[in-house]
Amino acid sequence: MKKHHTEEQILGILKEAEMGKALPDILRQHAISSGTFYRWR
């Protein structure tokens, strides 16, 4: 499986969610599924 995001990018995306940004906006902006987000989390 090909990785599309680096560890630094993943941490940045998770940090956005912690800061209160709306999850649907994060998912759309970074082109990830909710399953991927929760797996990273």
N, C-alpha and C. Protein backbone atom coordinates (compact mmCIF):
# COMPACT_ATOMS: atom_id res chain seq x y z
N MET A 1 0.83 -1.18 0.00
CA MET A 1 0.00 0.00 0.00
C MET A 1 0.88 1.25 0.00
N LYS A 2 0.52 2.18 -0.81
CA LYS A 2 1.30 3.40 -0.97
C LYS A 2 0.89 4.45 0.07
N LYS A 3 1.87 5.05 0.73
CA LYS A 3 1.57 6.09 1.71
C LYS A 3 1.47 7.43 1.00
N HIS A 4 0.41 8.15 1.30
CA HIS A 4 0.20 9.45 0.68
C HIS A 4 0.53 10.61 1.62
N HIS A 5 0.61 10.33 2.90
CA HIS A 5 0.90 11.37 3.87
C HIS A 5 2.09 10.97 4.72
N THR A 6 2.95 11.95 5.00
CA THR A 6 4.10 11.69 5.87
C THR A 6 3.63 11.74 7.33
N GLU A 7 4.50 11.28 8.23
CA GLU A 7 4.15 11.33 9.65
C GLU A 7 3.89 12.76 10.10
N GLU A 8 4.69 13.69 9.59
CA GLU A 8 4.51 15.10 9.97
C GLU A 8 3.15 15.62 9.52
N GLN A 9 2.72 15.23 8.31
CA GLN A 9 1.42 15.66 7.81
C GLN A 9 0.29 15.07 8.66
N ILE A 10 0.42 13.80 9.01
CA ILE A 10 -0.59 13.14 9.83
C ILE A 10 -0.71 13.84 11.18
N LEU A 11 0.42 14.14 11.80
CA LEU A 11 0.38 14.84 13.09
C LEU A 11 -0.26 16.21 12.96
N GLY A 12 0.01 16.90 11.87
CA GLY A 12 -0.60 18.21 11.62
C GLY A 12 -2.11 18.11 11.46
N ILE A 13 -2.56 17.07 10.76
CA ILE A 13 -3.99 16.87 10.56
C ILE A 13 -4.67 16.56 11.88
N LEU A 14 -4.06 15.71 12.69
CA LEU A 14 -4.63 15.39 14.00
C LEU A 14 -4.66 16.62 14.91
N LYS A 15 -3.63 17.46 14.79
CA LYS A 15 -3.57 18.69 15.60
C LYS A 15 -4.71 19.64 15.20
N GLU A 16 -5.01 19.71 13.90
CA GLU A 16 -6.12 20.56 13.44
C GLU A 16 -7.42 20.13 14.12
N ALA A 17 -7.63 18.83 14.21
CA ALA A 17 -8.85 18.31 14.84
C ALA A 17 -8.87 18.65 16.32
N GLU A 18 -7.73 18.55 16.98
CA GLU A 18 -7.65 18.88 18.41
C GLU A 18 -7.97 20.34 18.64
N MET A 19 -7.62 21.19 17.70
CA MET A 19 -7.83 22.62 17.85
C MET A 19 -9.27 23.03 17.57
N GLY A 20 -10.10 22.06 17.18
CA GLY A 20 -11.53 22.34 17.05
C GLY A 20 -12.03 22.54 15.64
N LYS A 21 -11.20 22.34 14.64
CA LYS A 21 -11.66 22.48 13.27
C LYS A 21 -12.66 21.37 12.96
N ALA A 22 -13.69 21.67 12.19
CA ALA A 22 -14.73 20.70 11.87
C ALA A 22 -14.16 19.51 11.10
N LEU A 23 -14.48 18.32 11.57
CA LEU A 23 -13.94 17.10 10.98
C LEU A 23 -14.27 16.96 9.48
N PRO A 24 -15.51 17.22 9.05
CA PRO A 24 -15.77 17.09 7.61
C PRO A 24 -14.89 18.01 6.76
N ASP A 25 -14.58 19.19 7.27
CA ASP A 25 -13.70 20.11 6.55
C ASP A 25 -12.29 19.56 6.46
N ILE A 26 -11.80 18.98 7.54
CA ILE A 26 -10.46 18.39 7.55
C ILE A 26 -10.38 17.24 6.56
N LEU A 27 -11.37 16.36 6.60
CA LEU A 27 -11.37 15.20 5.71
C LEU A 27 -11.37 15.62 4.25
N ARG A 28 -12.20 16.60 3.93
CA ARG A 28 -12.31 17.08 2.54
C ARG A 28 -11.01 17.76 2.11
N GLN A 29 -10.46 18.61 2.95
CA GLN A 29 -9.26 19.37 2.62
C GLN A 29 -8.06 18.46 2.34
N HIS A 30 -7.94 17.37 3.12
CA HIS A 30 -6.78 16.51 3.00
C HIS A 30 -7.05 15.22 2.21
N ALA A 31 -8.27 15.10 1.69
CA ALA A 31 -8.67 13.96 0.86
C ALA A 31 -8.45 12.63 1.58
N ILE A 32 -8.96 12.54 2.80
CA ILE A 32 -8.88 11.29 3.55
C ILE A 32 -10.30 10.87 3.97
N SER A 33 -10.46 9.59 4.25
CA SER A 33 -11.76 9.09 4.71
C SER A 33 -11.83 9.19 6.23
N SER A 34 -13.04 9.09 6.75
CA SER A 34 -13.18 9.11 8.20
C SER A 34 -12.50 7.89 8.82
N GLY A 35 -12.53 6.75 8.13
CA GLY A 35 -11.86 5.55 8.62
C GLY A 35 -10.37 5.75 8.77
N THR A 36 -9.77 6.40 7.79
CA THR A 36 -8.33 6.69 7.84
C THR A 36 -8.03 7.61 9.02
N PHE A 37 -8.83 8.65 9.17
CA PHE A 37 -8.62 9.59 10.27
C PHE A 37 -8.65 8.86 11.62
N TYR A 38 -9.67 8.03 11.83
CA TYR A 38 -9.80 7.36 13.12
C TYR A 38 -8.72 6.30 13.33
N ARG A 39 -8.22 5.71 12.25
CA ARG A 39 -7.11 4.76 12.37
C ARG A 39 -5.84 5.50 12.82
N TRP A 40 -5.62 6.69 12.27
CA TRP A 40 -4.45 7.49 12.66
C TRP A 40 -4.57 7.91 14.12
N ARG A 41 -5.77 8.24 14.51
CA ARG A 41 -6.03 8.74 15.85
C ARG A 41 -5.72 7.66 16.85
